C-alpha atoms as a PDB file:
ATOM      1  CA  UNK A   1      -0.022   0.012  -0.001  1.00  0.00           C
ATOM      2  CA  UNK A   2       1.340   3.458  -0.873  1.00  0.00           C
ATOM      3  CA  UNK A   3       0.593   4.864   2.563  1.00  0.00           C
ATOM      4  CA  UNK A   4       2.841   2.280   4.138  1.00  0.00           C
ATOM      5  CA  UNK A   5       5.653   3.042   1.625  1.00  0.00           C
ATOM      6  CA  UNK A   6       5.381   6.761   2.358  1.00  0.00           C
ATOM      7  CA  UNK A   7       5.334   6.174   6.075  1.00  0.00           C
ATOM      8  CA  UNK A   8       8.443   3.846   5.768  1.00  0.00           C
ATOM      9  CA  UNK A   9      10.375   6.361   3.711  1.00  0.00           C
ATOM     10  CA  UNK A  10       9.635   9.217   6.110  1.00  0.00           C
ATOM     11  CA  UNK A  11      10.458   7.025   9.081  1.00  0.00           C
ATOM     12  CA  UNK A  12      13.744   5.808   7.542  1.00  0.00           C
ATOM     13  CA  UNK A  13      14.731   9.362   6.565  1.00  0.00           C
ATOM     14  CA  UNK A  14      13.647  11.426   9.553  1.00  0.00           C
ATOM     15  CA  UNK A  15      12.373   9.297  12.463  1.00  0.00           C
ATOM     16  CA  UNK A  16      15.255   6.950  13.022  1.00  0.00           C
ATOM     17  CA  UNK A  17      13.362   4.097  11.209  1.00  0.00           C
ATOM     18  CA  UNK A  18      10.485   4.112  13.739  1.00  0.00           C
ATOM     19  CA  UNK A  19       7.426   3.800  11.544  1.00  0.00           C
ATOM     20  CA  UNK A  20       5.182   3.888  14.614  1.00  0.00           C
ATOM     21  CA  UNK A  21       5.974   7.678  14.956  1.00  0.00           C
ATOM     22  CA  UNK A  22       4.382   8.358  11.574  1.00  0.00           C
ATOM     23  CA  UNK A  23       0.608   8.314  11.426  1.00  0.00           C
ATOM     24  CA  UNK A  24      -1.568   9.439   8.507  1.00  0.00           C
ATOM     25  CA  UNK A  25      -2.166  12.775  10.160  1.00  0.00           C
ATOM     26  CA  UNK A  26       1.384  13.361  11.630  1.00  0.00           C
ATOM     27  CA  UNK A  27       2.355  16.967  10.710  1.00  0.00           C
ATOM     28  CA  UNK A  28       5.481  16.030   8.852  1.00  0.00           C
ATOM     29  CA  UNK A  29       6.716  19.552   8.098  1.00  0.00           C
ATOM     30  CA  UNK A  30       5.785  21.052  11.513  1.00  0.00           C
ATOM     31  CA  UNK A  31       7.783  18.291  13.323  1.00  0.00           C
ATOM     32  CA  UNK A  32      10.634  18.575  10.836  1.00  0.00           C
ATOM     33  CA  UNK A  33      10.276  14.955   9.674  1.00  0.00           C
ATOM     34  CA  UNK A  34      10.810  16.116   6.077  1.00  0.00           C
ATOM     35  CA  UNK A  35      13.686  18.336   4.923  1.00  0.00           C
ATOM     36  CA  UNK A  36      14.257  19.299   1.331  1.00  0.00           C
ATOM     37  CA  UNK A  37      16.298  16.283   0.478  1.00  0.00           C
ATOM     38  CA  UNK A  38      13.781  13.865   2.004  1.00  0.00           C
ATOM     39  CA  UNK A  39      11.007  15.735   0.256  1.00  0.00           C
ATOM     40  CA  UNK A  40      12.578  15.187  -3.149  1.00  0.00           C
ATOM     41  CA  UNK A  41      13.330  11.581  -2.301  1.00  0.00           C
ATOM     42  CA  UNK A  42       9.652  11.185  -1.505  1.00  0.00           C
ATOM     43  CA  UNK A  43       8.669  12.845  -4.808  1.00  0.00           C
ATOM     44  CA  UNK A  44      10.891  10.398  -6.595  1.00  0.00           C
ATOM     45  CA  UNK A  45       9.348   7.531  -4.766  1.00  0.00           C
ATOM     46  CA  UNK A  46       5.873   8.688  -5.609  1.00  0.00           C
ATOM     47  CA  UNK A  47       6.809   9.159  -9.231  1.00  0.00           C
ATOM     48  CA  UNK A  48       7.939   5.481  -9.360  1.00  0.00           C
ATOM     49  CA  UNK A  49       5.521   3.786  -7.076  1.00  0.00           C
ATOM     50  CA  UNK A  50       2.373   5.677  -7.891  1.00  0.00           C
ATOM     51  CA  UNK A  51       3.075   6.074 -11.543  1.00  0.00           C
ATOM     52  CA  UNK A  52       2.388   9.816 -11.427  1.00  0.00           C
ATOM     53  CA  UNK A  53       4.508  12.837 -12.180  1.00  0.00           C
ATOM     54  CA  UNK A  54       4.362  15.372  -9.414  1.00  0.00           C
ATOM     55  CA  UNK A  55       4.906  18.825 -10.905  1.00  0.00           C
ATOM     56  CA  UNK A  56       7.102  21.222  -8.951  1.00  0.00           C
ATOM     57  CA  UNK A  57       4.090  23.547  -8.438  1.00  0.00           C
ATOM     58  CA  UNK A  58       2.437  20.703  -6.443  1.00  0.00           C
ATOM     59  CA  UNK A  59       5.370  20.445  -3.988  1.00  0.00           C
ATOM     60  CA  UNK A  60       3.822  22.622  -1.381  1.00  0.00           C
ATOM     61  CA  UNK A  61       3.351  22.448   2.395  1.00  0.00           C
ATOM     62  CA  UNK A  62      -0.339  21.715   1.955  1.00  0.00           C
ATOM     63  CA  UNK A  63       0.265  18.671  -0.225  1.00  0.00           C
ATOM     64  CA  UNK A  64       3.207  17.302   1.857  1.00  0.00           C
ATOM     65  CA  UNK A  65       2.084  18.257   5.359  1.00  0.00           C
ATOM     66  CA  UNK A  66       1.059  14.750   6.265  1.00  0.00           C
ATOM     67  CA  UNK A  67       0.950  11.197   4.793  1.00  0.00           C
ATOM     68  CA  UNK A  68      -2.776  11.728   4.197  1.00  0.00           C
ATOM     69  CA  UNK A  69      -2.167  14.953   2.339  1.00  0.00           C
ATOM     70  CA  UNK A  70       0.364  13.093   0.150  1.00  0.00           C
ATOM     71  CA  UNK A  71      -2.095  10.341  -0.563  1.00  0.00           C
ATOM     72  CA  UNK A  72      -4.697  12.842  -1.443  1.00  0.00           C
ATOM     73  CA  UNK A  73      -2.280  14.546  -3.849  1.00  0.00           C
ATOM     74  CA  UNK A  74      -1.451  11.249  -5.573  1.00  0.00           C
ATOM     75  CA  UNK A  75      -5.036  10.253  -5.907  1.00  0.00           C
ATOM     76  CA  UNK A  76      -5.936  13.633  -7.388  1.00  0.00           C
ATOM     77  CA  UNK A  77      -3.087  13.347  -9.929  1.00  0.00           C
ATOM     78  CA  UNK A  78      -4.030   9.804 -10.764  1.00  0.00           C
ATOM     79  CA  UNK A  79      -7.620  10.811 -11.325  1.00  0.00           C
ATOM     80  CA  UNK A  80      -6.590  13.602 -13.747  1.00  0.00           C
ATOM     81  CA  UNK A  81      -4.577  10.924 -15.752  1.00  0.00           C
ATOM     82  CA  UNK A  82      -7.652   8.754 -15.983  1.00  0.00           C
ATOM     83  CA  UNK A  83      -9.950  11.616 -17.135  1.00  0.00           C
END
């Protein structure tokens, strides 16, 4: 599941590998779980795993503020591909 992959990447990058610290609504940016390097690693993962291209204009705090926000972004991008 994509949510698990996102949680794992964030945990490995910023939470010492402790996936239990990363919930769907954990404020990733507010708690400094994502820095710019981790953010672009995550964008790369999403491009590969979710088969979407995330435009630079979509790399915003609203879209990457939590795992749920990231999932919502991916689902929105996937739905535009299918339309």
